[in-house]
Amino acid sequence: MRKFVFVILHYMAYEDTKECIDSIFKKLADDKNRNLFDVIVVDNGSTNNSFEELIEDFKNIPNIHFLKLKVNLGFARGNNVGYKYAKYKLNADFIIMMNNDTIMVQNDFLKKIEKLYEETKFSVLGPDIINLKGFHQNPVEFINISKGKDYIKHILKIFIIMILNILGLYEFSKKLKNKVFKFRNENVIKKEKHFEKEMKNVKLHGSCWIFSKIFIDNFDGLYDETFMYLEEDILYYILQKENMITLYSPKLKIIHKEDVSTDYILRKSRKKRTFILKNLLKSFRAYRKLVKNYEKEIKRIKKS
């Protein structure tokens, strides 16, 4: 079998990162698999002692690597540090980029990845991601802003929500909207059951991406102009431009607890919304910059 490397971006939340790492070793580290994978934990500028605690907990475990960043670089740049270490130091054939709030649940996870790769030659693979409420999060709808009018529409929507949030009216408007469209989303999910079948060339949820050698040989990581949000859409846009295959497969499964790192420091809902909206705005601008200047922008992450 080929060499697998897990990349886990850690920020503050000790218990969740520990549970994520424990689940990987519990499910995968039998005598047969032990030398097939490494785990890289990247600390994204944590200001507590959680990273040092993790190092102490796993100091006697072979094939686990700890990388510490001085400041929070955000989702893409933080993960890219681990990605490049996996690519250039560990010679990974597959890089599994997992959120620290995910849990491994399958013993044959690695075998299934390899089999799916042999069958489809995917560039990026996404598993069936199930949250704690039992909802399936993969695949997801693509936000396409190739047309200027679509970009403007999303920007205006963010500004409207920001104003409602400042005025303290967001919760009321959300409740009103939910009442009007009470059963709409639920019925769509029940009718489509999109998570039950394997699909190619779909946008994949960012809590777990599995990059194959095809992607690794062509790219040095994620597009790095965002801090947080829209990385899924940007990755899918790039893969479409490069005619590379994305694959969703329900044969692979993980549990996703969601928003642990963000919730750790943003406990008040209004403060959290402000954080999200500001970063969404920045991410939409970065995404639009990529769309308009693709060849120039892609050079930073595309291996020449």
C-alpha atoms as a PDB file:
ATOM      1  CA  MET A   1       0.000   0.000   0.000  1.00  0.00           C
ATOM      2  CA  ARG A   2       0.984   3.619  -0.495  1.00  0.00           C
ATOM      3  CA  LYS A   3       2.032   6.161   2.137  1.00  0.00           C
ATOM      4  CA  PHE A   4      -0.804   8.139   3.802  1.00  0.00           C
ATOM      5  CA  VAL A   5      -0.285  11.312   5.815  1.00  0.00           C
ATOM      6  CA  PHE A   6      -2.966  12.964   7.967  1.00  0.00           C
ATOM      7  CA  VAL A   7      -2.780  16.754   8.400  1.00  0.00           C
ATOM      8  CA  ILE A   8      -4.697  18.147  11.376  1.00  0.00           C
ATOM      9  CA  LEU A   9      -4.872  21.897  12.012  1.00  0.00           C
ATOM     10  CA  HIS A  10      -5.096  22.605  15.743  1.00  0.00           C
ATOM     11  CA  TYR A  11      -6.262  25.802  17.416  1.00  0.00           C
ATOM     12  CA  MET A  12      -6.867  26.000  21.166  1.00  0.00           C
ATOM     13  CA  ALA A  13      -9.322  23.091  21.484  1.00  0.00           C
ATOM     14  CA  TYR A  14      -7.217  20.428  23.237  1.00  0.00           C
ATOM     15  CA  GLU A  15      -9.917  17.814  23.907  1.00  0.00           C
ATOM     16  CA  ASP A  16     -11.186  17.770  20.339  1.00  0.00           C
ATOM     17  CA  THR A  17      -7.777  17.524  18.687  1.00  0.00           C
ATOM     18  CA  LYS A  18      -6.816  14.761  21.117  1.00  0.00           C
ATOM     19  CA  GLU A  19     -10.022  12.852  20.342  1.00  0.00           C
ATOM     20  CA  CYS A  20      -9.357  13.226  16.604  1.00  0.00           C
ATOM     21  CA  ILE A  21      -5.788  11.885  16.894  1.00  0.00           C
ATOM     22  CA  ASP A  22      -6.857   9.092  19.259  1.00  0.00           C
ATOM     23  CA  SER A  23      -9.545   7.982  16.803  1.00  0.00           C
ATOM     24  CA  ILE A  24      -6.994   7.711  13.970  1.00  0.00           C
ATOM     25  CA  PHE A  25      -4.621   5.543  15.970  1.00  0.00           C
ATOM     26  CA  LYS A  26      -7.418   3.496  17.517  1.00  0.00           C
ATOM     27  CA  LYS A  27      -8.967   2.615  14.164  1.00  0.00           C
ATOM     28  CA  LEU A  28      -5.896   2.382  11.949  1.00  0.00           C
ATOM     29  CA  ALA A  29      -2.768   1.596  13.956  1.00  0.00           C
ATOM     30  CA  ASP A  30      -2.777  -2.201  13.977  1.00  0.00           C
ATOM     31  CA  ASP A  31       0.414  -4.123  13.149  1.00  0.00           C
ATOM     32  CA  LYS A  32      -0.503  -4.269   9.473  1.00  0.00           C
ATOM     33  CA  ASN A  33      -1.199  -0.555   8.992  1.00  0.00           C
ATOM     34  CA  ARG A  34       1.140   1.097  11.476  1.00  0.00           C
ATOM     35  CA  ASN A  35       3.891   2.005   9.020  1.00  0.00           C
ATOM     36  CA  LEU A  36       1.484   3.071   6.285  1.00  0.00           C
ATOM     37  CA  PHE A  37       0.585   6.430   7.773  1.00  0.00           C
ATOM     38  CA  ASP A  38       1.909   9.461   9.629  1.00  0.00           C
ATOM     39  CA  VAL A  39       0.028  12.198  11.464  1.00  0.00           C
ATOM     40  CA  ILE A  40       1.024  15.865  11.307  1.00  0.00           C
ATOM     41  CA  VAL A  41      -0.475  18.259  13.851  1.00  0.00           C
ATOM     42  CA  VAL A  42      -0.058  21.941  12.985  1.00  0.00           C
ATOM     43  CA  ASP A  43      -0.672  24.414  15.810  1.00  0.00           C
ATOM     44  CA  ASN A  44      -2.211  27.535  14.259  1.00  0.00           C
ATOM     45  CA  GLY A  45      -0.945  30.066  16.790  1.00  0.00           C
ATOM     46  CA  SER A  46      -2.796  28.836  19.890  1.00  0.00           C
ATOM     47  CA  THR A  47      -2.496  31.211  22.847  1.00  0.00           C
ATOM     48  CA  ASN A  48      -3.110  28.567  25.528  1.00  0.00           C
ATOM     49  CA  ASN A  49      -0.970  25.527  26.428  1.00  0.00           C
ATOM     50  CA  SER A  50      -3.124  23.023  24.507  1.00  0.00           C
ATOM     51  CA  PHE A  51      -0.440  22.255  21.912  1.00  0.00           C
ATOM     52  CA  GLU A  52       2.186  21.523  24.551  1.00  0.00           C
ATOM     53  CA  GLU A  53      -0.287  19.180  26.248  1.00  0.00           C
ATOM     54  CA  LEU A  54      -0.807  17.317  22.978  1.00  0.00           C
ATOM     55  CA  ILE A  55       2.946  16.937  22.484  1.00  0.00           C
ATOM     56  CA  GLU A  56       3.245  15.507  25.987  1.00  0.00           C
ATOM     57  CA  ASP A  57       0.325  13.111  25.436  1.00  0.00           C
ATOM     58  CA  PHE A  58       1.740  11.653  22.225  1.00  0.00           C
ATOM     59  CA  LYS A  59       5.483  11.969  22.825  1.00  0.00           C
ATOM     60  CA  ASN A  60       5.958   8.196  22.813  1.00  0.00           C
ATOM     61  CA  ILE A  61       3.944   7.570  19.662  1.00  0.00           C
ATOM     62  CA  PRO A  62       6.061   7.049  16.506  1.00  0.00           C
ATOM     63  CA  ASN A  63       5.209   8.729  13.193  1.00  0.00           C
ATOM     64  CA  ILE A  64       3.449  11.742  14.696  1.00  0.00           C
ATOM     65  CA  HIS A  65       4.869  15.185  13.892  1.00  0.00           C
ATOM     66  CA  PHE A  66       4.154  18.495  15.631  1.00  0.00           C
ATOM     67  CA  LEU A  67       4.604  21.826  13.825  1.00  0.00           C
ATOM     68  CA  LYS A  68       4.036  25.098  15.679  1.00  0.00           C
ATOM     69  CA  LEU A  69       3.127  28.394  14.010  1.00  0.00           C
ATOM     70  CA  LYS A  70       3.767  31.687  15.817  1.00  0.00           C
ATOM     71  CA  VAL A  71       0.510  33.286  14.648  1.00  0.00           C
ATOM     72  CA  ASN A  72      -2.863  32.124  13.322  1.00  0.00           C
ATOM     73  CA  LEU A  73      -2.434  31.921   9.548  1.00  0.00           C
ATOM     74  CA  GLY A  74      -6.024  30.901   8.886  1.00  0.00           C
ATOM     75  CA  PHE A  75      -7.394  27.701   7.382  1.00  0.00           C
ATOM     76  CA  ALA A  76      -5.631  27.520   4.011  1.00  0.00           C
ATOM     77  CA  ARG A  77      -2.180  28.779   4.975  1.00  0.00           C
ATOM     78  CA  GLY A  78      -2.142  26.824   8.228  1.00  0.00           C
ATOM     79  CA  ASN A  79      -3.059  23.592   6.467  1.00  0.00           C
ATOM     80  CA  ASN A  80      -0.525  24.319   3.719  1.00  0.00           C
ATOM     81  CA  VAL A  81       2.300  24.138   6.260  1.00  0.00           C
ATOM     82  CA  GLY A  82       1.289  20.574   7.085  1.00  0.00           C
ATOM     83  CA  TYR A  83       0.609  19.742   3.432  1.00  0.00           C
ATOM     84  CA  LYS A  84       4.092  20.804   2.326  1.00  0.00           C
ATOM     85  CA  TYR A  85       5.706  18.875   5.178  1.00  0.00           C
ATOM     86  CA  ALA A  86       3.734  15.777   4.129  1.00  0.00           C
ATOM     87  CA  LYS A  87       4.702  16.250   0.488  1.00  0.00           C
ATOM     88  CA  TYR A  88       8.380  17.149   0.752  1.00  0.00           C
ATOM     89  CA  LYS A  89       9.499  15.612   4.060  1.00  0.00           C
ATOM     90  CA  LEU A  90       7.360  12.475   4.205  1.00  0.00           C
ATOM     91  CA  ASN A  91       6.841  11.788   0.482  1.00  0.00           C
ATOM     92  CA  ALA A  92       3.099  11.224   0.888  1.00  0.00           C
ATOM     93  CA  ASP A  93       1.093   9.428  -1.781  1.00  0.00           C
ATOM     94  CA  PHE A  94      -2.158  10.577  -0.148  1.00  0.00           C
ATOM     95  CA  ILE A  95      -2.606  13.606   2.111  1.00  0.00           C
ATOM     96  CA  ILE A  96      -5.724  13.451   4.306  1.00  0.00           C
ATOM     97  CA  MET A  97      -6.538  16.968   5.512  1.00  0.00           C
ATOM     98  CA  MET A  98      -8.942  16.605   8.451  1.00  0.00           C
ATOM     99  CA  ASN A  99     -10.465  19.180  10.788  1.00  0.00           C
ATOM    100  CA  ASN A 100      -9.544  18.692  14.433  1.00  0.00           C
ATOM    101  CA  ASP A 101     -13.263  18.285  15.222  1.00  0.00           C
ATOM    102  CA  THR A 102     -13.614  15.106  13.151  1.00  0.00           C
ATOM    103  CA  ILE A 103     -13.533  11.491  14.318  1.00  0.00           C
ATOM    104  CA  MET A 104     -12.343   8.416  12.436  1.00  0.00           C
ATOM    105  CA  VAL A 105     -14.831   5.517  12.593  1.00  0.00           C
ATOM    106  CA  GLN A 106     -13.618   2.921  10.046  1.00  0.00           C
ATOM    107  CA  ASN A 107     -10.824   0.360  10.389  1.00  0.00           C
ATOM    108  CA  ASP A 108     -10.457  -0.031   6.624  1.00  0.00           C
ATOM    109  CA  PHE A 109     -10.431   3.690   5.781  1.00  0.00           C
ATOM    110  CA  LEU A 110      -7.010   3.572   4.093  1.00  0.00           C
ATOM    111  CA  LYS A 111      -7.753   0.427   2.073  1.00  0.00           C
ATOM    112  CA  LYS A 112     -10.942   1.981   0.746  1.00  0.00           C
ATOM    113  CA  ILE A 113      -9.098   5.135  -0.309  1.00  0.00           C
ATOM    114  CA  GLU A 114      -6.572   3.133  -2.271  1.00  0.00           C
ATOM    115  CA  LYS A 115      -9.254   1.030  -3.946  1.00  0.00           C
ATOM    116  CA  LEU A 116     -11.267   4.112  -4.940  1.00  0.00           C
ATOM    117  CA  TYR A 117      -8.131   5.673  -6.371  1.00  0.00           C
ATOM    118  CA  GLU A 118      -7.380   2.599  -8.472  1.00  0.00           C
ATOM    119  CA  GLU A 119     -10.954   2.646  -9.797  1.00  0.00           C
ATOM    120  CA  THR A 120     -11.368   6.368 -10.488  1.00  0.00           C
ATOM    121  CA  LYS A 121      -7.966   8.134 -10.418  1.00  0.00           C
ATOM    122  CA  PHE A 122      -9.476  10.968  -8.371  1.00  0.00           C
ATOM    123  CA  SER A 123      -7.499  14.095  -7.517  1.00  0.00           C
ATOM    124  CA  VAL A 124      -9.507  14.931  -4.383  1.00  0.00           C
ATOM    125  CA  LEU A 125     -11.808  12.548  -2.533  1.00  0.00           C
ATOM    126  CA  GLY A 126     -14.447  13.372   0.064  1.00  0.00           C
ATOM    127  CA  PRO A 127     -16.075  10.932   2.527  1.00  0.00           C
ATOM    128  CA  ASP A 128     -19.620  10.787   3.862  1.00  0.00           C
ATOM    129  CA  ILE A 129     -19.396  13.395   6.632  1.00  0.00           C
ATOM    130  CA  ILE A 130     -22.027  12.963   9.354  1.00  0.00           C
ATOM    131  CA  ASN A 131     -22.567  15.623  12.014  1.00  0.00           C
ATOM    132  CA  LEU A 132     -23.728  15.005  15.565  1.00  0.00           C
ATOM    133  CA  LYS A 133     -27.368  15.567  14.550  1.00  0.00           C
ATOM    134  CA  GLY A 134     -27.124  12.804  11.946  1.00  0.00           C
ATOM    135  CA  PHE A 135     -27.111  15.096   8.905  1.00  0.00           C
ATOM    136  CA  HIS A 136     -24.880  14.210   5.946  1.00  0.00           C
ATOM    137  CA  GLN A 137     -22.705  17.130   4.830  1.00  0.00           C
ATOM    138  CA  ASN A 138     -21.253  15.840   1.547  1.00  0.00           C
ATOM    139  CA  PRO A 139     -21.439  16.744  -1.271  1.00  0.00           C
ATOM    140  CA  VAL A 140     -22.294  20.455  -1.077  1.00  0.00           C
ATOM    141  CA  GLU A 141     -23.642  23.112  -3.428  1.00  0.00           C
ATOM    142  CA  PHE A 142     -21.044  25.063  -5.386  1.00  0.00           C
ATOM    143  CA  ILE A 143     -21.006  28.863  -5.181  1.00  0.00           C
ATOM    144  CA  ASN A 144     -20.067  29.994  -8.685  1.00  0.00           C
ATOM    145  CA  ILE A 145     -19.068  33.648  -9.078  1.00  0.00           C
ATOM    146  CA  SER A 146     -17.634  33.447 -12.592  1.00  0.00           C
ATOM    147  CA  LYS A 147     -20.250  36.019 -13.604  1.00  0.00           C
ATOM    148  CA  GLY A 148     -19.852  39.471 -12.079  1.00  0.00           C
ATOM    149  CA  LYS A 149     -23.559  39.731 -11.254  1.00  0.00           C
ATOM    150  CA  ASP A 150     -23.376  36.571  -9.104  1.00  0.00           C
ATOM    151  CA  TYR A 151     -20.428  38.030  -7.178  1.00  0.00           C
ATOM    152  CA  ILE A 152     -22.292  41.300  -6.574  1.00  0.00           C
ATOM    153  CA  LYS A 153     -25.375  39.379  -5.400  1.00  0.00           C
ATOM    154  CA  HIS A 154     -23.383  37.542  -2.719  1.00  0.00           C
ATOM    155  CA  ILE A 155     -21.588  40.706  -1.583  1.00  0.00           C
ATOM    156  CA  LEU A 156     -24.895  42.570  -1.209  1.00  0.00           C
ATOM    157  CA  LYS A 157     -26.354  39.673   0.779  1.00  0.00           C
ATOM    158  CA  ILE A 158     -23.422  39.799   3.214  1.00  0.00           C
ATOM    159  CA  PHE A 159     -23.806  43.566   3.689  1.00  0.00           C
ATOM    160  CA  ILE A 160     -27.541  43.197   4.400  1.00  0.00           C
ATOM    161  CA  ILE A 161     -26.881  40.510   7.023  1.00  0.00           C
ATOM    162  CA  MET A 162     -24.139  42.681   8.561  1.00  0.00           C
ATOM    163  CA  ILE A 163     -26.590  45.584   8.916  1.00  0.00           C
ATOM    164  CA  LEU A 164     -29.265  43.327  10.447  1.00  0.00           C
ATOM    165  CA  ASN A 165     -26.655  41.945  12.834  1.00  0.00           C
ATOM    166  CA  ILE A 166     -25.537  45.434  13.931  1.00  0.00           C
ATOM    167  CA  LEU A 167     -29.166  46.479  14.481  1.00  0.00           C
ATOM    168  CA  GLY A 168     -29.868  43.305  16.472  1.00  0.00           C
ATOM    169  CA  LEU A 169     -32.520  42.173  13.976  1.00  0.00           C
ATOM    170  CA  TYR A 170     -30.772  39.144  12.512  1.00  0.00           C
ATOM    171  CA  GLU A 171     -32.319  36.535  14.813  1.00  0.00           C
ATOM    172  CA  PHE A 172     -35.830  37.903  14.175  1.00  0.00           C
ATOM    173  CA  SER A 173     -35.344  37.901  10.386  1.00  0.00           C
ATOM    174  CA  LYS A 174     -33.941  34.362  10.517  1.00  0.00           C
ATOM    175  CA  LYS A 175     -36.920  33.072  12.537  1.00  0.00           C
ATOM    176  CA  LEU A 176     -39.321  34.749  10.114  1.00  0.00           C
ATOM    177  CA  LYS A 177     -37.565  33.208   7.114  1.00  0.00           C
ATOM    178  CA  ASN A 178     -37.554  29.755   8.734  1.00  0.00           C
ATOM    179  CA  LYS A 179     -41.283  30.039   9.434  1.00  0.00           C
ATOM    180  CA  VAL A 180     -42.095  30.968   5.838  1.00  0.00           C
ATOM    181  CA  PHE A 181     -39.904  28.212   4.374  1.00  0.00           C
ATOM    182  CA  LYS A 182     -40.528  25.754   7.175  1.00  0.00           C
ATOM    183  CA  PHE A 183     -40.369  22.450   5.323  1.00  0.00           C
ATOM    184  CA  ARG A 184     -38.508  23.380   2.171  1.00  0.00           C
ATOM    185  CA  ASN A 185     -34.951  22.293   3.038  1.00  0.00           C
ATOM    186  CA  GLU A 186     -36.102  19.208   4.916  1.00  0.00           C
ATOM    187  CA  ASN A 187     -38.133  17.981   1.960  1.00  0.00           C
ATOM    188  CA  VAL A 188     -35.283  18.527  -0.492  1.00  0.00           C
ATOM    189  CA  ILE A 189     -32.911  16.484   1.686  1.00  0.00           C
ATOM    190  CA  LYS A 190     -35.408  13.639   2.138  1.00  0.00           C
ATOM    191  CA  LYS A 191     -36.303  13.578  -1.535  1.00  0.00           C
ATOM    192  CA  GLU A 192     -32.798  13.661  -2.991  1.00  0.00           C
ATOM    193  CA  LYS A 193     -30.805  11.592  -0.451  1.00  0.00           C
ATOM    194  CA  HIS A 194     -27.761  12.861  -2.287  1.00  0.00           C
ATOM    195  CA  PHE A 195     -25.308  11.330   0.187  1.00  0.00           C
ATOM    196  CA  GLU A 196     -26.238   7.730  -0.655  1.00  0.00           C
ATOM    197  CA  LYS A 197     -24.565   7.499  -4.063  1.00  0.00           C
ATOM    198  CA  GLU A 198     -21.025   7.969  -5.316  1.00  0.00           C
ATOM    199  CA  MET A 199     -20.574  11.111  -7.428  1.00  0.00           C
ATOM    200  CA  LYS A 200     -17.788  12.563  -9.540  1.00  0.00           C
ATOM    201  CA  ASN A 201     -16.984  16.226 -10.066  1.00  0.00           C
ATOM    202  CA  VAL A 202     -18.882  17.665  -7.109  1.00  0.00           C
ATOM    203  CA  LYS A 203     -17.853  20.197  -4.487  1.00  0.00           C
ATOM    204  CA  LEU A 204     -16.577  18.522  -1.316  1.00  0.00           C
ATOM    205  CA  HIS A 205     -17.005  19.603   2.303  1.00  0.00           C
ATOM    206  CA  GLY A 206     -13.808  21.067   3.728  1.00  0.00           C
ATOM    207  CA  SER A 207     -13.737  19.158   7.011  1.00  0.00           C
ATOM    208  CA  CYS A 208     -12.032  16.248   5.228  1.00  0.00           C
ATOM    209  CA  TRP A 209     -10.216  16.288   1.898  1.00  0.00           C
ATOM    210  CA  ILE A 210      -8.157  13.367   0.642  1.00  0.00           C
ATOM    211  CA  PHE A 211      -5.570  14.493  -1.917  1.00  0.00           C
ATOM    212  CA  SER A 212      -4.132  11.854  -4.231  1.00  0.00           C
ATOM    213  CA  LYS A 213      -0.711  11.772  -5.873  1.00  0.00           C
ATOM    214  CA  ILE A 214      -2.259  13.381  -8.954  1.00  0.00           C
ATOM    215  CA  PHE A 215      -3.097  16.531  -6.989  1.00  0.00           C
ATOM    216  CA  ILE A 216       0.070  16.412  -4.866  1.00  0.00           C
ATOM    217  CA  ASP A 217       2.313  16.268  -7.928  1.00  0.00           C
ATOM    218  CA  ASN A 218       0.619  19.348  -9.397  1.00  0.00           C
ATOM    219  CA  PHE A 219      -0.035  21.587  -6.392  1.00  0.00           C
ATOM    220  CA  ASP A 220       1.805  22.741  -3.277  1.00  0.00           C
ATOM    221  CA  GLY A 221      -1.393  23.203  -1.301  1.00  0.00           C
ATOM    222  CA  LEU A 222      -4.583  25.260  -1.165  1.00  0.00           C
ATOM    223  CA  TYR A 223      -5.104  28.720  -2.646  1.00  0.00           C
ATOM    224  CA  ASP A 224      -3.898  30.884   0.217  1.00  0.00           C
ATOM    225  CA  GLU A 225      -5.597  34.281  -0.136  1.00  0.00           C
ATOM    226  CA  THR A 226      -8.428  33.479   2.315  1.00  0.00           C
ATOM    227  CA  PHE A 227      -8.284  33.366   6.100  1.00  0.00           C
ATOM    228  CA  MET A 228     -11.434  31.309   6.568  1.00  0.00           C
ATOM    229  CA  TYR A 229     -14.490  30.353   4.437  1.00  0.00           C
ATOM    230  CA  LEU A 230     -15.062  29.578   0.720  1.00  0.00           C
ATOM    231  CA  GLU A 231     -11.985  27.327   0.539  1.00  0.00           C
ATOM    232  CA  GLU A 232     -14.286  24.530  -0.660  1.00  0.00           C
ATOM    233  CA  ASP A 233     -15.638  26.588  -3.555  1.00  0.00           C
ATOM    234  CA  ILE A 234     -12.197  27.866  -4.507  1.00  0.00           C
ATOM    235  CA  LEU A 235     -10.704  24.373  -4.505  1.00  0.00           C
ATOM    236  CA  TYR A 236     -13.560  23.039  -6.642  1.00  0.00           C
ATOM    237  CA  TYR A 237     -13.243  25.973  -9.062  1.00  0.00           C
ATOM    238  CA  ILE A 238      -9.510  25.259  -9.472  1.00  0.00           C
ATOM    239  CA  LEU A 239     -10.091  21.540 -10.023  1.00  0.00           C
ATOM    240  CA  GLN A 240     -12.683  22.313 -12.685  1.00  0.00           C
ATOM    241  CA  LYS A 241     -10.268  24.668 -14.452  1.00  0.00           C
ATOM    242  CA  GLU A 242      -7.559  21.997 -14.370  1.00  0.00           C
ATOM    243  CA  ASN A 243      -9.891  19.170 -15.512  1.00  0.00           C
ATOM    244  CA  MET A 244      -9.124  17.165 -12.376  1.00  0.00           C
ATOM    245  CA  ILE A 245     -11.562  14.714 -10.786  1.00  0.00           C
ATOM    246  CA  THR A 246     -13.283  15.230  -7.460  1.00  0.00           C
ATOM    247  CA  LEU A 247     -15.028  12.196  -6.018  1.00  0.00           C
ATOM    248  CA  TYR A 248     -17.591  11.822  -3.255  1.00  0.00           C
ATOM    249  CA  SER A 249     -17.930   8.287  -1.901  1.00  0.00           C
ATOM    250  CA  PRO A 250     -20.332   7.086   0.826  1.00  0.00           C
ATOM    251  CA  LYS A 251     -18.029   4.084   1.302  1.00  0.00           C
ATOM    252  CA  LEU A 252     -15.863   6.316   3.494  1.00  0.00           C
ATOM    253  CA  LYS A 253     -17.351   7.826   6.658  1.00  0.00           C
ATOM    254  CA  ILE A 254     -16.255  10.233   9.381  1.00  0.00           C
ATOM    255  CA  ILE A 255     -18.022  12.100  12.202  1.00  0.00           C
ATOM    256  CA  HIS A 256     -17.873  15.910  12.270  1.00  0.00           C
ATOM    257  CA  LYS A 257     -18.593  17.867  15.447  1.00  0.00           C
ATOM    258  CA  GLU A 258     -18.407  21.294  13.698  1.00  0.00           C
ATOM    259  CA  ASP A 259     -17.082  24.787  14.494  1.00  0.00           C
ATOM    260  CA  VAL A 260     -15.011  23.791  17.518  1.00  0.00           C
ATOM    261  CA  SER A 261     -12.104  26.212  17.006  1.00  0.00           C
ATOM    262  CA  THR A 262     -14.363  29.154  16.120  1.00  0.00           C
ATOM    263  CA  ASP A 263     -16.728  28.474  19.026  1.00  0.00           C
ATOM    264  CA  TYR A 264     -13.807  28.255  21.426  1.00  0.00           C
ATOM    265  CA  ILE A 265     -13.091  31.990  21.195  1.00  0.00           C
ATOM    266  CA  LEU A 266     -16.401  33.338  19.862  1.00  0.00           C
ATOM    267  CA  ARG A 267     -19.027  32.209  22.313  1.00  0.00           C
ATOM    268  CA  LYS A 268     -21.534  35.025  21.696  1.00  0.00           C
ATOM    269  CA  SER A 269     -23.630  34.501  18.570  1.00  0.00           C
ATOM    270  CA  ARG A 270     -23.522  38.156  17.412  1.00  0.00           C
ATOM    271  CA  LYS A 271     -19.743  38.309  17.792  1.00  0.00           C
ATOM    272  CA  LYS A 272     -19.393  35.014  15.926  1.00  0.00           C
ATOM    273  CA  ARG A 273     -21.609  36.258  13.074  1.00  0.00           C
ATOM    274  CA  THR A 274     -19.526  39.432  12.769  1.00  0.00           C
ATOM    275  CA  PHE A 275     -16.361  37.338  12.553  1.00  0.00           C
ATOM    276  CA  ILE A 276     -17.903  35.052   9.924  1.00  0.00           C
ATOM    277  CA  LEU A 277     -19.318  37.879   7.804  1.00  0.00           C
ATOM    278  CA  LYS A 278     -16.076  39.877   7.757  1.00  0.00           C
ATOM    279  CA  ASN A 279     -14.081  36.847   6.708  1.00  0.00           C
ATOM    280  CA  LEU A 280     -16.714  35.833   4.156  1.00  0.00           C
ATOM    281  CA  LEU A 281     -16.417  39.263   2.597  1.00  0.00           C
ATOM    282  CA  LYS A 282     -12.630  38.937   2.391  1.00  0.00           C
ATOM    283  CA  SER A 283     -12.930  35.426   0.984  1.00  0.00           C
ATOM    284  CA  PHE A 284     -15.381  36.469  -1.729  1.00  0.00           C
ATOM    285  CA  ARG A 285     -12.951  39.198  -2.783  1.00  0.00           C
ATOM    286  CA  ALA A 286     -10.086  36.676  -2.875  1.00  0.00           C
ATOM    287  CA  TYR A 287     -12.231  34.224  -4.852  1.00  0.00           C
ATOM    288  CA  ARG A 288     -13.159  36.925  -7.363  1.00  0.00           C
ATOM    289  CA  LYS A 289      -9.487  37.885  -7.668  1.00  0.00           C
ATOM    290  CA  LEU A 290      -8.673  34.256  -8.548  1.00  0.00           C
ATOM    291  CA  VAL A 291     -11.471  34.081 -11.127  1.00  0.00           C
ATOM    292  CA  LYS A 292     -10.413  37.294 -12.852  1.00  0.00           C
ATOM    293  CA  ASN A 293      -6.658  36.613 -12.807  1.00  0.00           C
ATOM    294  CA  TYR A 294      -6.515  32.830 -12.774  1.00  0.00           C
ATOM    295  CA  GLU A 295      -3.178  32.170 -14.490  1.00  0.00           C
ATOM    296  CA  LYS A 296      -1.360  34.737 -12.369  1.00  0.00           C
ATOM    297  CA  GLU A 297      -2.979  33.777  -9.066  1.00  0.00           C
ATOM    298  CA  ILE A 298      -2.615  30.010  -9.445  1.00  0.00           C
ATOM    299  CA  LYS A 299       1.169  30.180  -9.820  1.00  0.00           C
ATOM    300  CA  ARG A 300       1.715  30.413  -6.058  1.00  0.00           C
ATOM    301  CA  ILE A 301       0.308  26.947  -5.413  1.00  0.00           C
ATOM    302  CA  LYS A 302       0.790  25.200  -8.742  1.00  0.00           C
ATOM    303  CA  LYS A 303       4.037  23.262  -9.017  1.00  0.00           C
ATOM    304  CA  SER A 304       5.922  24.364 -12.120  1.00  0.00           C
END
